[in-house]
Amino acid sequence: MPGQFAQQPPPQQQGTNGFAIAALVTGILGGICGLSIVFGIIALVQIKKTGQRGRGLAIAGLVLTAAWIALGVIGAVAGIANSPRDSSGEITSSGSESVTRLRAGDCVGGIEDGKRMTEISVSPCTQAHDGEVISQFDLPKGSWPGEPTVAQQAETRCTADIEQALANSPMLDKLQISYLYPDNKKDWDRDRGITCLVFDAAGGKLTGSVPR
């Protein structure tokens, strides 16, 4: 009597899939450049073939990555929505801006002499404001020269730049020159930018862009 041959399926691998664990860990850490997605997909494919444990871990890693991506998108959209600038970079609403992101033509408020600032109030120049950014430049690269030297270089260059830019302005003799500069080594190493501004010398408000 002929025998019947039956091929046995390959034995299933035991244990938890390593890629599934990696997908969960990288998912918890924010996806790490999309590695959690790669690990998660590899894990699901392998688990289907081998029968290993870890399907839930792989899926959890993918879900966490999706959540991180969603948070990033929401944050980016919120940042754009809260920005005082329009798509061209012009300030169209009152708000605050990092001092390192100020541009020539920006109108600002809330600057106090001698006060260290990282954020500054900005508004459209048609609204009453304290001062206006006239020019910007970077000091030459090099080791930290000390605050007095940086302040002197900023004052000299800003004075020359503003007097040149506003040479034909009827307001030149009514304005006070000021400047923002890095006042310590940490800021100097990060950004050597100088921002040159003008204010009403009598302490009043400006109500429009300074005429050129």
Protein backbone atom coordinates (compact mmCIF):
# COMPACT_ATOMS: atom_id res chain seq x y z
CA MET A 1 0.00 0.00 0.00
CA PRO A 2 1.60 3.22 -1.10
CA GLY A 3 2.57 5.57 1.66
CA GLN A 4 1.53 9.20 1.80
CA PHE A 5 4.26 11.79 2.10
CA ALA A 6 3.51 14.99 4.01
CA GLN A 7 6.07 17.79 4.19
CA GLN A 8 6.31 19.38 7.61
CA PRO A 9 6.35 23.21 7.79
CA PRO A 10 9.64 24.72 8.93
CA PRO A 11 9.82 25.22 12.68
CA GLN A 12 8.85 28.70 13.77
CA GLN A 13 11.53 30.83 15.32
CA GLN A 14 11.01 31.63 18.95
CA GLY A 15 11.55 34.87 20.82
CA THR A 16 10.78 38.49 20.05
CA ASN A 17 11.83 39.98 16.75
CA GLY A 18 14.80 42.33 17.18
CA PHE A 19 13.58 44.78 14.56
CA ALA A 20 10.27 45.08 16.43
CA ILE A 21 12.12 46.06 19.59
CA ALA A 22 14.24 48.53 17.62
CA ALA A 23 11.09 50.02 16.04
CA LEU A 24 9.56 50.63 19.47
CA VAL A 25 12.71 52.14 20.95
CA THR A 26 13.36 54.49 18.02
CA GLY A 27 9.65 55.37 17.96
CA ILE A 28 9.80 56.42 21.60
CA LEU A 29 12.86 58.54 20.79
CA GLY A 30 11.05 60.41 18.06
CA GLY A 31 11.54 58.18 15.06
CA ILE A 32 15.26 59.05 14.73
CA CYS A 33 15.34 60.06 11.08
CA GLY A 34 12.69 57.55 10.05
CA LEU A 35 14.54 54.48 11.34
CA SER A 36 11.50 53.39 13.35
CA ILE A 37 9.47 53.19 10.14
CA VAL A 38 12.12 51.04 8.45
CA PHE A 39 12.52 48.81 11.49
CA GLY A 40 8.76 48.48 11.92
CA ILE A 41 8.15 47.41 8.33
CA ILE A 42 11.02 44.91 8.38
CA ALA A 43 9.75 43.52 11.67
CA LEU A 44 6.19 42.98 10.38
CA VAL A 45 7.47 41.23 7.25
CA GLN A 46 9.78 38.95 9.22
CA ILE A 47 7.20 38.18 11.89
CA LYS A 48 4.70 37.11 9.25
CA LYS A 49 7.23 34.64 7.89
CA THR A 50 8.78 33.38 11.11
CA GLY A 51 5.95 33.59 13.62
CA GLN A 52 8.10 35.45 16.11
CA ARG A 53 6.61 37.66 18.77
CA GLY A 54 6.77 41.43 18.55
CA ARG A 55 4.03 42.41 16.11
CA GLY A 56 2.49 44.71 18.70
CA LEU A 57 5.86 46.32 19.41
CA ALA A 58 6.43 47.02 15.72
CA ILE A 59 2.99 48.54 15.33
CA ALA A 60 3.48 50.64 18.47
CA GLY A 61 6.75 51.96 17.05
CA LEU A 62 5.02 52.96 13.81
CA VAL A 63 2.17 54.63 15.70
CA LEU A 64 4.58 56.58 17.89
CA THR A 65 6.48 57.76 14.83
CA ALA A 66 3.25 58.89 13.20
CA ALA A 67 2.42 60.83 16.37
CA TRP A 68 5.84 62.54 16.36
CA ILE A 69 5.38 63.51 12.71
CA ALA A 70 1.91 64.89 13.43
CA LEU A 71 3.26 66.96 16.33
CA GLY A 72 6.02 68.32 14.13
CA VAL A 73 3.56 69.35 11.44
CA ILE A 74 1.27 70.97 14.00
CA GLY A 75 4.22 72.85 15.51
CA ALA A 76 5.39 74.08 12.11
CA VAL A 77 1.90 75.23 11.16
CA ALA A 78 1.46 76.97 14.52
CA GLY A 79 4.82 78.70 14.10
CA ILE A 80 3.83 80.01 10.68
CA ALA A 81 0.41 81.07 11.93
CA ASN A 82 1.92 82.94 14.88
CA SER A 83 4.67 84.61 12.88
CA PRO A 84 4.33 88.40 12.59
CA ARG A 85 5.74 88.21 9.03
CA ASP A 86 3.97 87.42 5.80
CA SER A 87 5.33 85.11 3.10
CA SER A 88 7.58 87.89 1.75
CA GLY A 89 9.14 88.47 5.18
CA GLU A 90 7.45 91.80 5.86
CA ILE A 91 6.07 92.36 9.35
CA THR A 92 2.30 92.65 9.03
CA SER A 93 1.15 92.16 12.63
CA SER A 94 2.39 92.89 16.13
CA GLY A 95 4.32 90.12 17.82
CA SER A 96 7.78 89.14 18.96
CA GLU A 97 10.87 88.13 17.06
CA SER A 98 14.28 86.79 17.96
CA VAL A 99 16.88 89.55 17.88
CA THR A 100 18.96 87.33 15.58
CA ARG A 101 16.15 87.31 13.01
CA LEU A 102 15.59 91.04 12.74
CA ARG A 103 15.91 92.55 9.26
CA ALA A 104 16.58 96.01 7.88
CA GLY A 105 13.28 97.90 7.79
CA ASP A 106 11.77 96.11 10.83
CA CYS A 107 10.08 98.40 13.35
CA VAL A 108 10.60 97.44 16.98
CA GLY A 109 9.65 98.33 20.53
CA GLY A 110 10.51 97.53 24.10
CA ILE A 111 14.27 98.01 23.86
CA GLU A 112 15.83 99.23 27.09
CA ASP A 113 19.35 100.65 27.12
CA GLY A 114 21.81 98.18 28.69
CA LYS A 115 19.24 95.37 28.91
CA ARG A 116 20.24 92.03 27.41
CA MET A 117 17.52 90.79 25.05
CA THR A 118 16.88 87.63 23.08
CA GLU A 119 13.32 88.49 21.95
CA ILE A 120 12.03 91.87 20.86
CA SER A 121 8.60 93.32 20.09
CA VAL A 122 7.93 94.04 16.43
CA SER A 123 5.02 95.70 14.62
CA PRO A 124 4.13 97.16 11.23
CA CYS A 125 5.89 100.50 10.78
CA THR A 126 2.51 102.19 10.32
CA GLN A 127 1.86 101.60 14.03
CA ALA A 128 3.58 103.67 16.71
CA HIS A 129 6.92 102.09 17.58
CA ASP A 130 10.18 102.89 19.34
CA GLY A 131 12.79 102.27 16.68
CA GLU A 132 13.62 100.95 13.23
CA VAL A 133 16.35 98.61 12.02
CA ILE A 134 18.41 100.46 9.40
CA SER A 135 21.25 98.05 8.65
CA GLN A 136 22.96 94.83 9.73
CA PHE A 137 26.41 93.34 9.35
CA ASP A 138 28.67 90.64 10.79
CA LEU A 139 31.90 91.38 12.58
CA PRO A 140 34.97 89.49 11.28
CA LYS A 141 35.63 85.97 12.51
CA GLY A 142 38.06 85.58 15.36
CA SER A 143 38.36 84.86 19.05
CA TRP A 144 36.14 86.74 21.50
CA PRO A 145 37.69 90.24 21.77
CA GLY A 146 35.71 91.30 24.83
CA GLU A 147 32.53 93.36 25.16
CA PRO A 148 34.14 96.84 25.10
CA THR A 149 35.84 96.08 21.78
CA VAL A 150 32.70 94.61 20.22
CA ALA A 151 30.60 97.56 21.41
CA GLN A 152 33.12 100.05 19.98
CA GLN A 153 33.23 98.25 16.62
CA ALA A 154 29.43 98.10 16.52
CA GLU A 155 29.08 101.80 17.33
CA THR A 156 31.64 102.90 14.73
CA ARG A 157 30.22 100.82 11.91
CA CYS A 158 26.55 101.50 12.76
CA THR A 159 27.16 105.24 12.91
CA ALA A 160 28.79 105.19 9.47
CA ASP A 161 26.13 102.92 7.94
CA ILE A 162 23.19 104.93 9.29
CA GLU A 163 24.63 108.32 8.37
CA GLN A 164 25.16 107.03 4.84
CA ALA A 165 21.73 105.37 4.57
CA LEU A 166 19.90 108.42 5.95
CA ALA A 167 22.13 111.12 4.47
CA ASN A 168 19.17 112.70 2.68
CA SER A 169 16.61 112.09 5.42
CA PRO A 170 15.04 115.19 6.99
CA MET A 171 14.92 113.24 10.28
CA LEU A 172 18.61 112.41 10.59
CA ASP A 173 19.37 115.08 13.19
CA LYS A 174 16.32 114.03 15.24
CA LEU A 175 17.37 110.40 15.61
CA GLN A 176 19.50 108.55 18.13
CA ILE A 177 21.67 105.67 16.90
CA SER A 178 21.66 102.40 18.81
CA TYR A 179 22.76 98.83 18.13
CA LEU A 180 22.35 95.24 19.25
CA TYR A 181 25.51 93.13 19.55
CA PRO A 182 26.78 89.88 21.14
CA ASP A 183 27.95 90.83 24.62
CA ASN A 184 29.51 87.53 25.69
CA LYS A 185 31.67 84.75 24.24
CA LYS A 186 28.81 82.24 23.97
CA ASP A 187 26.71 84.59 21.83
CA TRP A 188 29.79 85.66 19.85
CA ASP A 189 30.62 82.06 18.95
CA ARG A 190 27.03 81.51 17.78
CA ASP A 191 26.36 84.78 15.95
CA ARG A 192 28.61 87.81 15.35
CA GLY A 193 25.78 89.84 13.80
CA ILE A 194 25.30 93.52 14.62
CA THR A 195 21.91 95.21 14.20
CA CYS A 196 21.91 98.98 13.75
CA LEU A 197 18.78 100.90 14.79
CA VAL A 198 17.53 104.47 15.18
CA PHE A 199 15.18 105.94 17.79
CA ASP A 200 13.55 109.29 18.30
CA ALA A 201 16.22 111.32 20.11
CA ALA A 202 13.52 113.09 22.14
CA GLY A 203 12.19 109.75 23.43
CA GLY A 204 8.95 109.84 21.47
CA LYS A 205 7.39 107.25 19.21
CA LEU A 206 8.00 106.88 15.50
CA THR A 207 4.83 106.62 13.44
CA GLY A 208 6.17 105.44 10.12
CA SER A 209 9.28 104.25 8.36
CA VAL A 210 12.16 106.68 8.62
CA PRO A 211 12.27 108.60 5.32
CA ARG A 212 15.40 108.05 3.24
